[in-house]
Amino acid sequence: MTYLATAFQARYSVQRCVEWTNPGDPAPTTVNTTLLETAVEDVLADFLTYSGSAYDAANTALLRAQQTGVACVGVAAYLQSYLDQGGGEKRLTDFQKRLGELAKTIARDRIIPATSSLLVPTVEGLDGRTRPAFDNEAFGNVLLDGPATNQDTGSGLD
């Protein structure tokens, strides 16, 4: 069982885990680890998609605690959505928003591109393409490849 599945079971009561992992079973007695691991896999996929960083149980204690706290909420949200009862989709949306908030602190701490250059971008042409000044119709007939080897160029410089 993965670290996240174990952490999830530590955070929620056994009875709650049994109920959430056995949808439709009138008298469940044990946690359905297959469904639990499916929810964990869904959360791990969402982690990368919505937070921009992968969940990693080997992270430092603070980062692991932040990620695990949000991830366990996600596992619960997925399990509740598997129950197909009202509120599951809202919980998933809330989980994805929490991942976005987590991304602001752990994943998107990047340098913002900036410049002090005086250069300005070329204005788009009428055909929607940006073209340098030398790339206009006047040069349309110019062949950039040289002549094949052993071929007379007509220059008279044999």
Foldseek 3Di string as FASTA:
>chain_A
DDPLLVLLPVVDDQVLQQPLQDQPDPDGDHHPVVSLVVQLVVLQVLLCVQQVDGQDCPDPPVVNVLSSVLSSLSSSLVSVVVNVDPPSVVSNVVSSVSSNVVSVPPPPPDDDDDDPDPDDDADADPVRHRDDPVPDPVCVPPDPDDDDPPDDPPPPPD
